[in-house]
Amino acid sequence: MFRKVNNKILGFIFGVLLIVVVLLFLFEGGKNERTFREVLVDIDTTAVTEILIYPKSQEHKEVKLFKDGENWQVTLPSGKTAKVPDQKIRDVLKQLLAIKPERLAARDKSKWNELQVDSTGTRLKVYEGSKLALDIILGRFSFQQPRSMNTIVRLYNDKDVYEVQGFLDMTFNQGANVFRDGTVIKSDYNSWKQLHFNYPADSSFQLTKNGNNWLINGLKADSTKTVNYLRRLASLSNNTFADEIKIDTTTTPTFTLNITTDDLQFIEVKGFKDPASFVIHSTQNPETWFDGSSLSKTIFVGKSTFLTK
């Protein structure tokens, strides 16, 4: 009987010890486990109405993208606004949705400055109406093998720091101009039938399509040179804007390029030049003026551009 009692006591002790071990295991496991967020960005792209960016490259001055009716606008440093193409907004939202944690980079606040996820980083806020749907800081980037770049990020109200794929600085650590519509010309050059270069004095000329050939004032142009020029021109954009125009644009332009297409569409690019400045305007982006200092060299070329030496 004594033996039976001992066995019961030993069984009881063993049971208690087993419970203690299990509890200790669960407690320690939970204590050491690092909670890893599976989702950092949870926004409804169809409901987004405003994106505020505070880029470190702009000394954290606010860049405001906002929806005005069905269109998007960006607020310029001058206080004026400019149109933002829908595609650029789609690209911004696509990049935000692609922010997914690869690893936990730090949990210690003392690491924030080193990883640039404190006040030194680029802060970004996304609103869905009055609701703040995302508040995140984009910090330091790092190179990863093979040939990829990652970015350190932190949700503004979270202490945890994560590493995510992508070089986010390229999009978000920029000024307002990068989001503007920089279209100068966007057209299919295969549909063009004539380009008229109207220049000062007697330097004007016409480039005309004749079957599969291009002619300059009736002379055959070099096909390779011509196609290279037309390709550059057909998808021409620029982000050097001239918001403060100091030239009288009601006068006759110094340079004009008129493009006529097969279906009689008409594209006109004007260049106004004086000793102090040069501005360019395109009918394909009528709200915008461009600084023509370097852009003009791509558009207003001479006959030699198309002739065989």
C-alpha atoms as a PDB file:
ATOM      1  CA  MET A   1       0.000   0.000   0.000  1.00  0.00           C
ATOM      2  CA  PHE A   2       2.862   2.366   0.826  1.00  0.00           C
ATOM      3  CA  ARG A   3       4.256   1.599  -2.592  1.00  0.00           C
ATOM      4  CA  LYS A   4       0.942   2.498  -4.230  1.00  0.00           C
ATOM      5  CA  VAL A   5       0.862   5.799  -2.334  1.00  0.00           C
ATOM      6  CA  ASN A   6       4.434   6.573  -3.460  1.00  0.00           C
ATOM      7  CA  ASN A   7       3.489   5.836  -7.050  1.00  0.00           C
ATOM      8  CA  LYS A   8       0.506   8.214  -6.791  1.00  0.00           C
ATOM      9  CA  ILE A   9       2.693  10.943  -5.282  1.00  0.00           C
ATOM     10  CA  LEU A  10       5.343  10.477  -7.945  1.00  0.00           C
ATOM     11  CA  GLY A  11       2.681  10.553 -10.660  1.00  0.00           C
ATOM     12  CA  PHE A  12       1.233  13.727  -9.199  1.00  0.00           C
ATOM     13  CA  ILE A  13       4.649  15.380  -8.997  1.00  0.00           C
ATOM     14  CA  PHE A  14       5.457  14.313 -12.542  1.00  0.00           C
ATOM     15  CA  GLY A  15       2.169  15.781 -13.755  1.00  0.00           C
ATOM     16  CA  VAL A  16       2.818  19.088 -12.001  1.00  0.00           C
ATOM     17  CA  LEU A  17       6.356  19.247 -13.399  1.00  0.00           C
ATOM     18  CA  LEU A  18       5.047  18.521 -16.904  1.00  0.00           C
ATOM     19  CA  ILE A  19       2.528  21.365 -16.626  1.00  0.00           C
ATOM     20  CA  VAL A  20       5.262  23.720 -15.374  1.00  0.00           C
ATOM     21  CA  VAL A  21       7.580  22.777 -18.268  1.00  0.00           C
ATOM     22  CA  VAL A  22       4.812  23.321 -20.819  1.00  0.00           C
ATOM     23  CA  LEU A  23       3.896  26.686 -19.318  1.00  0.00           C
ATOM     24  CA  LEU A  24       7.534  27.767 -19.202  1.00  0.00           C
ATOM     25  CA  PHE A  25       7.998  26.717 -22.830  1.00  0.00           C
ATOM     26  CA  LEU A  26       4.945  28.651 -23.942  1.00  0.00           C
ATOM     27  CA  PHE A  27       5.916  31.706 -21.917  1.00  0.00           C
ATOM     28  CA  GLU A  28       9.530  31.788 -23.063  1.00  0.00           C
ATOM     29  CA  GLY A  29       8.562  31.012 -26.639  1.00  0.00           C
ATOM     30  CA  GLY A  30       6.076  33.888 -26.690  1.00  0.00           C
ATOM     31  CA  LYS A  31       8.620  36.141 -25.021  1.00  0.00           C
ATOM     32  CA  ASN A  32      11.348  35.459 -27.575  1.00  0.00           C
ATOM     33  CA  GLU A  33       9.108  35.362 -30.616  1.00  0.00           C
ATOM     34  CA  ARG A  34       9.328  38.492 -32.792  1.00  0.00           C
ATOM     35  CA  THR A  35       5.989  39.433 -34.203  1.00  0.00           C
ATOM     36  CA  PHE A  36       6.480  39.875 -37.948  1.00  0.00           C
ATOM     37  CA  ARG A  37       3.915  41.994 -39.721  1.00  0.00           C
ATOM     38  CA  GLU A  38       2.741  40.334 -42.899  1.00  0.00           C
ATOM     39  CA  VAL A  39       1.103  43.536 -44.168  1.00  0.00           C
ATOM     40  CA  LEU A  40       2.489  47.065 -43.910  1.00  0.00           C
ATOM     41  CA  VAL A  41       0.350  48.783 -46.524  1.00  0.00           C
ATOM     42  CA  ASP A  42      -3.397  48.248 -46.551  1.00  0.00           C
ATOM     43  CA  ILE A  43      -5.058  50.880 -48.732  1.00  0.00           C
ATOM     44  CA  ASP A  44      -8.009  50.929 -51.100  1.00  0.00           C
ATOM     45  CA  THR A  45      -6.517  52.453 -54.252  1.00  0.00           C
ATOM     46  CA  THR A  46      -9.965  53.372 -55.560  1.00  0.00           C
ATOM     47  CA  ALA A  47     -10.673  55.411 -52.427  1.00  0.00           C
ATOM     48  CA  VAL A  48      -7.386  57.343 -52.213  1.00  0.00           C
ATOM     49  CA  THR A  49      -7.942  61.104 -52.442  1.00  0.00           C
ATOM     50  CA  GLU A  50      -4.683  62.596 -51.206  1.00  0.00           C
ATOM     51  CA  ILE A  51      -1.015  61.674 -50.937  1.00  0.00           C
ATOM     52  CA  LEU A  52       1.330  63.820 -48.867  1.00  0.00           C
ATOM     53  CA  ILE A  53       5.081  63.328 -49.221  1.00  0.00           C
ATOM     54  CA  TYR A  54       7.813  64.975 -47.154  1.00  0.00           C
ATOM     55  CA  PRO A  55      11.005  64.143 -49.107  1.00  0.00           C
ATOM     56  CA  LYS A  56      14.347  64.389 -47.380  1.00  0.00           C
ATOM     57  CA  SER A  57      15.844  65.705 -50.652  1.00  0.00           C
ATOM     58  CA  GLN A  58      13.466  68.688 -50.400  1.00  0.00           C
ATOM     59  CA  GLU A  59      14.246  69.343 -46.723  1.00  0.00           C
ATOM     60  CA  HIS A  60      10.956  67.630 -45.881  1.00  0.00           C
ATOM     61  CA  LYS A  61       8.845  70.335 -47.523  1.00  0.00           C
ATOM     62  CA  GLU A  62       5.425  68.949 -48.334  1.00  0.00           C
ATOM     63  CA  VAL A  63       4.615  67.622 -51.812  1.00  0.00           C
ATOM     64  CA  LYS A  64       0.846  67.351 -52.049  1.00  0.00           C
ATOM     65  CA  LEU A  65      -0.905  65.137 -54.603  1.00  0.00           C
ATOM     66  CA  PHE A  66      -4.654  65.452 -54.472  1.00  0.00           C
ATOM     67  CA  LYS A  67      -7.712  64.401 -56.416  1.00  0.00           C
ATOM     68  CA  ASP A  68      -9.733  67.226 -57.930  1.00  0.00           C
ATOM     69  CA  GLY A  69     -12.921  65.710 -59.316  1.00  0.00           C
ATOM     70  CA  GLU A  70     -11.727  62.904 -61.577  1.00  0.00           C
ATOM     71  CA  ASN A  71      -8.257  64.409 -62.083  1.00  0.00           C
ATOM     72  CA  TRP A  72      -5.113  64.545 -59.983  1.00  0.00           C
ATOM     73  CA  GLN A  73      -3.122  67.673 -59.218  1.00  0.00           C
ATOM     74  CA  VAL A  74       0.156  68.459 -57.479  1.00  0.00           C
ATOM     75  CA  THR A  75       0.774  71.604 -55.462  1.00  0.00           C
ATOM     76  CA  LEU A  76       3.922  73.439 -56.569  1.00  0.00           C
ATOM     77  CA  PRO A  77       6.285  75.346 -54.241  1.00  0.00           C
ATOM     78  CA  SER A  78       4.823  78.578 -55.646  1.00  0.00           C
ATOM     79  CA  GLY A  79       1.371  77.572 -54.394  1.00  0.00           C
ATOM     80  CA  LYS A  80       0.089  76.967 -57.909  1.00  0.00           C
ATOM     81  CA  THR A  81      -1.101  73.535 -58.997  1.00  0.00           C
ATOM     82  CA  ALA A  82      -0.295  71.394 -62.013  1.00  0.00           C
ATOM     83  CA  LYS A  83      -1.849  68.338 -63.617  1.00  0.00           C
ATOM     84  CA  VAL A  84      -0.615  64.854 -62.702  1.00  0.00           C
ATOM     85  CA  PRO A  85      -1.133  62.088 -65.298  1.00  0.00           C
ATOM     86  CA  ASP A  86      -3.329  59.223 -64.114  1.00  0.00           C
ATOM     87  CA  GLN A  87      -0.574  56.768 -65.024  1.00  0.00           C
ATOM     88  CA  LYS A  88       1.828  58.397 -62.566  1.00  0.00           C
ATOM     89  CA  ILE A  89      -0.727  58.051 -59.769  1.00  0.00           C
ATOM     90  CA  ARG A  90      -1.305  54.413 -60.705  1.00  0.00           C
ATOM     91  CA  ASP A  91       2.465  53.834 -60.576  1.00  0.00           C
ATOM     92  CA  VAL A  92       2.707  55.491 -57.144  1.00  0.00           C
ATOM     93  CA  LEU A  93      -0.113  53.374 -55.709  1.00  0.00           C
ATOM     94  CA  LYS A  94       1.317  50.229 -57.302  1.00  0.00           C
ATOM     95  CA  GLN A  95       4.657  50.880 -55.616  1.00  0.00           C
ATOM     96  CA  LEU A  96       2.982  51.418 -52.266  1.00  0.00           C
ATOM     97  CA  LEU A  97       1.051  48.149 -52.529  1.00  0.00           C
ATOM     98  CA  ALA A  98       4.327  46.382 -53.369  1.00  0.00           C
ATOM     99  CA  ILE A  99       5.789  47.350 -49.971  1.00  0.00           C
ATOM    100  CA  LYS A 100       5.942  43.981 -48.222  1.00  0.00           C
ATOM    101  CA  PRO A 101       8.215  43.116 -45.286  1.00  0.00           C
ATOM    102  CA  GLU A 102      11.165  40.908 -46.142  1.00  0.00           C
ATOM    103  CA  ARG A 103      12.660  40.886 -42.677  1.00  0.00           C
ATOM    104  CA  LEU A 104      12.553  42.672 -39.347  1.00  0.00           C
ATOM    105  CA  ALA A 105      15.501  45.074 -39.454  1.00  0.00           C
ATOM    106  CA  ALA A 106      15.316  46.481 -35.914  1.00  0.00           C
ATOM    107  CA  ARG A 107      13.148  46.882 -32.846  1.00  0.00           C
ATOM    108  CA  ASP A 108      15.414  49.215 -30.962  1.00  0.00           C
ATOM    109  CA  LYS A 109      14.544  52.916 -31.233  1.00  0.00           C
ATOM    110  CA  SER A 110      18.232  53.715 -30.960  1.00  0.00           C
ATOM    111  CA  LYS A 111      18.637  52.282 -34.483  1.00  0.00           C
ATOM    112  CA  TRP A 112      16.113  54.643 -36.080  1.00  0.00           C
ATOM    113  CA  ASN A 113      18.572  57.415 -36.890  1.00  0.00           C
ATOM    114  CA  GLU A 114      21.138  55.018 -38.338  1.00  0.00           C
ATOM    115  CA  LEU A 115      18.464  53.468 -40.564  1.00  0.00           C
ATOM    116  CA  GLN A 116      16.975  56.909 -41.368  1.00  0.00           C
ATOM    117  CA  VAL A 117      13.470  56.008 -40.231  1.00  0.00           C
ATOM    118  CA  ASP A 118      13.195  58.899 -37.790  1.00  0.00           C
ATOM    119  CA  SER A 119      12.773  62.567 -38.751  1.00  0.00           C
ATOM    120  CA  THR A 120      15.622  62.195 -41.262  1.00  0.00           C
ATOM    121  CA  GLY A 121      13.630  59.867 -43.521  1.00  0.00           C
ATOM    122  CA  THR A 122      11.011  60.583 -46.163  1.00  0.00           C
ATOM    123  CA  ARG A 123       7.578  60.530 -44.572  1.00  0.00           C
ATOM    124  CA  LEU A 124       4.522  59.616 -46.650  1.00  0.00           C
ATOM    125  CA  LYS A 125       0.824  59.834 -45.750  1.00  0.00           C
ATOM    126  CA  VAL A 126      -2.100  58.493 -47.759  1.00  0.00           C
ATOM    127  CA  TYR A 127      -5.678  59.580 -47.168  1.00  0.00           C
ATOM    128  CA  GLU A 128      -8.939  57.973 -48.185  1.00  0.00           C
ATOM    129  CA  GLY A 129     -11.180  60.983 -47.740  1.00  0.00           C
ATOM    130  CA  SER A 130     -10.648  62.101 -44.133  1.00  0.00           C
ATOM    131  CA  LYS A 131      -9.257  58.704 -43.110  1.00  0.00           C
ATOM    132  CA  LEU A 132      -5.489  58.397 -42.717  1.00  0.00           C
ATOM    133  CA  ALA A 133      -4.942  55.044 -44.440  1.00  0.00           C
ATOM    134  CA  LEU A 134      -1.134  54.986 -44.367  1.00  0.00           C
ATOM    135  CA  ASP A 135       1.588  56.847 -42.465  1.00  0.00           C
ATOM    136  CA  ILE A 136       5.048  55.473 -43.207  1.00  0.00           C
ATOM    137  CA  ILE A 137       8.675  56.594 -43.152  1.00  0.00           C
ATOM    138  CA  LEU A 138      10.983  55.516 -45.967  1.00  0.00           C
ATOM    139  CA  GLY A 139      14.548  55.269 -44.764  1.00  0.00           C
ATOM    140  CA  ARG A 140      17.932  54.116 -45.939  1.00  0.00           C
ATOM    141  CA  PHE A 141      18.343  51.918 -48.996  1.00  0.00           C
ATOM    142  CA  SER A 142      20.740  49.023 -49.351  1.00  0.00           C
ATOM    143  CA  PHE A 143      22.162  46.919 -52.155  1.00  0.00           C
ATOM    144  CA  GLN A 144      21.258  43.254 -52.197  1.00  0.00           C
ATOM    145  CA  GLN A 145      22.648  40.501 -54.343  1.00  0.00           C
ATOM    146  CA  PRO A 146      22.065  39.766 -57.098  1.00  0.00           C
ATOM    147  CA  ARG A 147      21.661  43.346 -58.373  1.00  0.00           C
ATOM    148  CA  SER A 148      18.682  44.424 -56.344  1.00  0.00           C
ATOM    149  CA  MET A 149      18.000  47.243 -53.915  1.00  0.00           C
ATOM    150  CA  ASN A 150      15.957  47.266 -50.729  1.00  0.00           C
ATOM    151  CA  THR A 151      14.579  50.069 -48.566  1.00  0.00           C
ATOM    152  CA  ILE A 152      14.262  50.292 -44.794  1.00  0.00           C
ATOM    153  CA  VAL A 153      10.794  51.443 -43.673  1.00  0.00           C
ATOM    154  CA  ARG A 154       8.828  52.036 -40.478  1.00  0.00           C
ATOM    155  CA  LEU A 155       5.166  52.690 -39.910  1.00  0.00           C
ATOM    156  CA  TYR A 156       5.074  56.084 -38.189  1.00  0.00           C
ATOM    157  CA  ASN A 157       3.295  54.868 -35.056  1.00  0.00           C
ATOM    158  CA  ASP A 158       5.205  51.589 -34.798  1.00  0.00           C
ATOM    159  CA  LYS A 159       8.613  50.960 -33.250  1.00  0.00           C
ATOM    160  CA  ASP A 160       9.462  48.014 -35.515  1.00  0.00           C
ATOM    161  CA  VAL A 161      11.628  48.596 -38.586  1.00  0.00           C
ATOM    162  CA  TYR A 162      11.376  46.467 -41.710  1.00  0.00           C
ATOM    163  CA  GLU A 163      13.349  45.879 -44.872  1.00  0.00           C
ATOM    164  CA  VAL A 164      11.315  45.809 -48.089  1.00  0.00           C
ATOM    165  CA  GLN A 165      12.139  45.289 -51.733  1.00  0.00           C
ATOM    166  CA  GLY A 166      12.686  48.195 -54.098  1.00  0.00           C
ATOM    167  CA  PHE A 167      14.479  51.529 -54.358  1.00  0.00           C
ATOM    168  CA  LEU A 168      11.633  53.729 -53.096  1.00  0.00           C
ATOM    169  CA  ASP A 169      13.737  56.907 -53.090  1.00  0.00           C
ATOM    170  CA  MET A 170      13.527  56.986 -56.883  1.00  0.00           C
ATOM    171  CA  THR A 171       9.800  57.732 -56.699  1.00  0.00           C
ATOM    172  CA  PHE A 172       9.173  59.322 -53.331  1.00  0.00           C
ATOM    173  CA  ASN A 173      12.320  61.260 -52.457  1.00  0.00           C
ATOM    174  CA  GLN A 174      11.576  63.814 -55.181  1.00  0.00           C
ATOM    175  CA  GLY A 175      10.157  67.282 -55.628  1.00  0.00           C
ATOM    176  CA  ALA A 176       6.760  68.161 -57.096  1.00  0.00           C
ATOM    177  CA  ASN A 177       7.977  68.409 -60.702  1.00  0.00           C
ATOM    178  CA  VAL A 178       8.619  64.676 -60.998  1.00  0.00           C
ATOM    179  CA  PHE A 179       4.880  64.021 -60.685  1.00  0.00           C
ATOM    180  CA  ARG A 180       3.800  66.574 -63.297  1.00  0.00           C
ATOM    181  CA  ASP A 181       2.761  65.884 -66.863  1.00  0.00           C
ATOM    182  CA  GLY A 182       6.005  66.309 -68.790  1.00  0.00           C
ATOM    183  CA  THR A 183       4.579  65.356 -72.174  1.00  0.00           C
ATOM    184  CA  VAL A 184       5.972  67.401 -75.040  1.00  0.00           C
ATOM    185  CA  ILE A 185       5.047  65.030 -77.862  1.00  0.00           C
ATOM    186  CA  LYS A 186       3.394  61.624 -77.630  1.00  0.00           C
ATOM    187  CA  SER A 187       2.364  60.216 -81.005  1.00  0.00           C
ATOM    188  CA  ASP A 188       3.014  57.339 -83.409  1.00  0.00           C
ATOM    189  CA  TYR A 189       5.636  58.608 -85.845  1.00  0.00           C
ATOM    190  CA  ASN A 190       4.544  55.972 -88.372  1.00  0.00           C
ATOM    191  CA  SER A 191       1.379  58.027 -88.864  1.00  0.00           C
ATOM    192  CA  TRP A 192       3.280  61.251 -89.583  1.00  0.00           C
ATOM    193  CA  LYS A 193       3.351  62.482 -93.153  1.00  0.00           C
ATOM    194  CA  GLN A 194       4.978  65.901 -92.887  1.00  0.00           C
ATOM    195  CA  LEU A 195       7.117  67.942 -90.507  1.00  0.00           C
ATOM    196  CA  HIS A 196       7.467  71.647 -91.178  1.00  0.00           C
ATOM    197  CA  PHE A 197      10.395  73.391 -89.457  1.00  0.00           C
ATOM    198  CA  ASN A 198       9.754  77.118 -89.460  1.00  0.00           C
ATOM    199  CA  TYR A 199      12.965  78.943 -88.521  1.00  0.00           C
ATOM    200  CA  PRO A 200      14.331  82.506 -88.722  1.00  0.00           C
ATOM    201  CA  ALA A 201      15.736  83.862 -92.006  1.00  0.00           C
ATOM    202  CA  ASP A 202      15.893  81.252 -94.768  1.00  0.00           C
ATOM    203  CA  SER A 203      16.685  78.188 -92.639  1.00  0.00           C
ATOM    204  CA  SER A 204      13.151  76.701 -92.714  1.00  0.00           C
ATOM    205  CA  PHE A 205      12.556  73.346 -94.390  1.00  0.00           C
ATOM    206  CA  GLN A 206      10.068  70.490 -94.719  1.00  0.00           C
ATOM    207  CA  LEU A 207      10.480  66.791 -94.051  1.00  0.00           C
ATOM    208  CA  THR A 208       7.891  64.899 -96.096  1.00  0.00           C
ATOM    209  CA  LYS A 209       7.046  61.211 -96.289  1.00  0.00           C
ATOM    210  CA  ASN A 210       6.928  59.724 -99.749  1.00  0.00           C
ATOM    211  CA  GLY A 211       6.041  56.021 -99.639  1.00  0.00           C
ATOM    212  CA  ASN A 212       8.735  54.423 -97.477  1.00  0.00           C
ATOM    213  CA  ASN A 213      11.141  57.330 -97.872  1.00  0.00           C
ATOM    214  CA  TRP A 214      11.510  60.731 -96.270  1.00  0.00           C
ATOM    215  CA  LEU A 215      12.390  63.784 -98.344  1.00  0.00           C
ATOM    216  CA  ILE A 216      13.880  67.145 -97.326  1.00  0.00           C
ATOM    217  CA  ASN A 217      12.629  69.788 -99.709  1.00  0.00           C
ATOM    218  CA  GLY A 218      12.488  67.054-102.342  1.00  0.00           C
ATOM    219  CA  LEU A 219      15.890  65.466-101.554  1.00  0.00           C
ATOM    220  CA  LYS A 220      16.047  61.945-100.104  1.00  0.00           C
ATOM    221  CA  ALA A 221      16.903  61.910 -96.408  1.00  0.00           C
ATOM    222  CA  ASP A 222      19.117  59.348 -94.665  1.00  0.00           C
ATOM    223  CA  SER A 223      16.609  56.726 -93.456  1.00  0.00           C
ATOM    224  CA  THR A 224      18.521  55.727 -90.303  1.00  0.00           C
ATOM    225  CA  LYS A 225      19.134  59.291 -89.147  1.00  0.00           C
ATOM    226  CA  THR A 226      15.565  60.265 -89.881  1.00  0.00           C
ATOM    227  CA  VAL A 227      13.986  57.335 -88.041  1.00  0.00           C
ATOM    228  CA  ASN A 228      16.249  57.907 -85.021  1.00  0.00           C
ATOM    229  CA  TYR A 229      15.102  61.520 -84.828  1.00  0.00           C
ATOM    230  CA  LEU A 230      11.426  60.657 -85.306  1.00  0.00           C
ATOM    231  CA  ARG A 231      11.557  57.986 -82.579  1.00  0.00           C
ATOM    232  CA  ARG A 232      13.054  60.422 -80.068  1.00  0.00           C
ATOM    233  CA  LEU A 233      10.503  63.061 -80.984  1.00  0.00           C
ATOM    234  CA  ALA A 234       7.477  60.741 -80.890  1.00  0.00           C
ATOM    235  CA  SER A 235       7.909  59.991 -77.191  1.00  0.00           C
ATOM    236  CA  LEU A 236       9.403  63.209 -75.898  1.00  0.00           C
ATOM    237  CA  SER A 237       8.942  64.345 -72.309  1.00  0.00           C
ATOM    238  CA  ASN A 238      10.741  66.756 -70.027  1.00  0.00           C
ATOM    239  CA  ASN A 239      10.571  67.844 -66.378  1.00  0.00           C
ATOM    240  CA  THR A 240      12.322  71.186 -66.707  1.00  0.00           C
ATOM    241  CA  PHE A 241       9.310  73.444 -66.451  1.00  0.00           C
ATOM    242  CA  ALA A 242       9.067  77.188 -67.036  1.00  0.00           C
ATOM    243  CA  ASP A 243       6.404  78.303 -64.586  1.00  0.00           C
ATOM    244  CA  GLU A 244       7.512  81.921 -64.582  1.00  0.00           C
ATOM    245  CA  ILE A 245       7.386  83.053 -68.236  1.00  0.00           C
ATOM    246  CA  LYS A 246       9.209  86.315 -68.895  1.00  0.00           C
ATOM    247  CA  ILE A 247       8.800  86.299 -72.691  1.00  0.00           C
ATOM    248  CA  ASP A 248       5.882  87.789 -74.581  1.00  0.00           C
ATOM    249  CA  THR A 249       4.305  84.610 -75.959  1.00  0.00           C
ATOM    250  CA  THR A 250       1.670  86.554 -77.911  1.00  0.00           C
ATOM    251  CA  THR A 251       4.321  87.456 -80.472  1.00  0.00           C
ATOM    252  CA  THR A 252       5.454  85.283 -83.401  1.00  0.00           C
ATOM    253  CA  PRO A 253       7.531  82.340 -82.080  1.00  0.00           C
ATOM    254  CA  THR A 254      11.216  82.183 -82.945  1.00  0.00           C
ATOM    255  CA  PHE A 255      10.974  78.489 -83.890  1.00  0.00           C
ATOM    256  CA  THR A 256       7.986  76.340 -84.813  1.00  0.00           C
ATOM    257  CA  LEU A 257       7.605  72.663 -85.619  1.00  0.00           C
ATOM    258  CA  ASN A 258       4.330  71.570 -87.202  1.00  0.00           C
ATOM    259  CA  ILE A 259       3.590  67.857 -87.539  1.00  0.00           C
ATOM    260  CA  THR A 260       0.766  66.616 -89.772  1.00  0.00           C
ATOM    261  CA  THR A 261      -0.439  63.018 -89.525  1.00  0.00           C
ATOM    262  CA  ASP A 262      -2.105  60.739 -92.079  1.00  0.00           C
ATOM    263  CA  ASP A 263      -5.497  61.363 -90.492  1.00  0.00           C
ATOM    264  CA  LEU A 264      -4.869  65.124 -90.588  1.00  0.00           C
ATOM    265  CA  GLN A 265      -4.155  65.469 -86.869  1.00  0.00           C
ATOM    266  CA  PHE A 266      -1.978  68.485 -86.139  1.00  0.00           C
ATOM    267  CA  ILE A 267       0.781  68.840 -83.529  1.00  0.00           C
ATOM    268  CA  GLU A 268       2.486  72.173 -83.022  1.00  0.00           C
ATOM    269  CA  VAL A 269       5.543  72.961 -80.918  1.00  0.00           C
ATOM    270  CA  LYS A 270       6.561  76.591 -80.500  1.00  0.00           C
ATOM    271  CA  GLY A 271       9.801  78.035 -79.186  1.00  0.00           C
ATOM    272  CA  PHE A 272      10.073  81.611 -77.933  1.00  0.00           C
ATOM    273  CA  LYS A 273      13.619  82.871 -77.487  1.00  0.00           C
ATOM    274  CA  ASP A 274      15.240  86.075 -76.354  1.00  0.00           C
ATOM    275  CA  PRO A 275      18.729  86.806 -74.990  1.00  0.00           C
ATOM    276  CA  ALA A 276      17.673  85.919 -71.443  1.00  0.00           C
ATOM    277  CA  SER A 277      15.414  82.875 -71.795  1.00  0.00           C
ATOM    278  CA  PHE A 278      13.897  80.216 -74.042  1.00  0.00           C
ATOM    279  CA  VAL A 279      10.480  78.627 -73.471  1.00  0.00           C
ATOM    280  CA  ILE A 280       8.683  75.882 -75.380  1.00  0.00           C
ATOM    281  CA  HIS A 281       4.996  75.070 -75.701  1.00  0.00           C
ATOM    282  CA  SER A 282       3.253  72.045 -77.232  1.00  0.00           C
ATOM    283  CA  THR A 283      -0.373  71.666 -78.274  1.00  0.00           C
ATOM    284  CA  GLN A 284      -0.261  68.181 -76.754  1.00  0.00           C
ATOM    285  CA  ASN A 285       0.222  69.650 -73.270  1.00  0.00           C
ATOM    286  CA  PRO A 286      -1.365  73.095 -73.517  1.00  0.00           C
ATOM    287  CA  GLU A 287      -1.308  73.842 -69.770  1.00  0.00           C
ATOM    288  CA  THR A 288       2.469  73.527 -69.544  1.00  0.00           C
ATOM    289  CA  TRP A 289       5.507  75.534 -70.592  1.00  0.00           C
ATOM    290  CA  PHE A 290       9.006  74.083 -70.697  1.00  0.00           C
ATOM    291  CA  ASP A 291      12.470  75.550 -70.344  1.00  0.00           C
ATOM    292  CA  GLY A 292      13.889  75.225 -73.843  1.00  0.00           C
ATOM    293  CA  SER A 293      17.580  75.707 -73.037  1.00  0.00           C
ATOM    294  CA  SER A 294      18.456  72.078 -73.752  1.00  0.00           C
ATOM    295  CA  LEU A 295      15.096  70.710 -74.946  1.00  0.00           C
ATOM    296  CA  SER A 296      15.248  72.878 -78.068  1.00  0.00           C
ATOM    297  CA  LYS A 297      18.300  70.984 -79.309  1.00  0.00           C
ATOM    298  CA  THR A 298      16.215  67.797 -79.501  1.00  0.00           C
ATOM    299  CA  ILE A 299      13.280  69.408 -81.307  1.00  0.00           C
ATOM    300  CA  PHE A 300      14.500  72.240 -83.511  1.00  0.00           C
ATOM    301  CA  VAL A 301      17.223  70.551 -85.526  1.00  0.00           C
ATOM    302  CA  GLY A 302      18.802  71.539 -88.832  1.00  0.00           C
ATOM    303  CA  LYS A 303      18.762  69.872 -92.243  1.00  0.00           C
ATOM    304  CA  SER A 304      22.096  68.168 -91.577  1.00  0.00           C
ATOM    305  CA  THR A 305      20.385  65.961 -88.985  1.00  0.00           C
ATOM    306  CA  PHE A 306      18.693  64.076 -91.835  1.00  0.00           C
ATOM    307  CA  LEU A 307      21.326  64.123 -94.616  1.00  0.00           C
ATOM    308  CA  THR A 308      24.097  61.660 -95.371  1.00  0.00           C
ATOM    309  CA  LYS A 309      27.506  63.227 -94.920  1.00  0.00           C
END
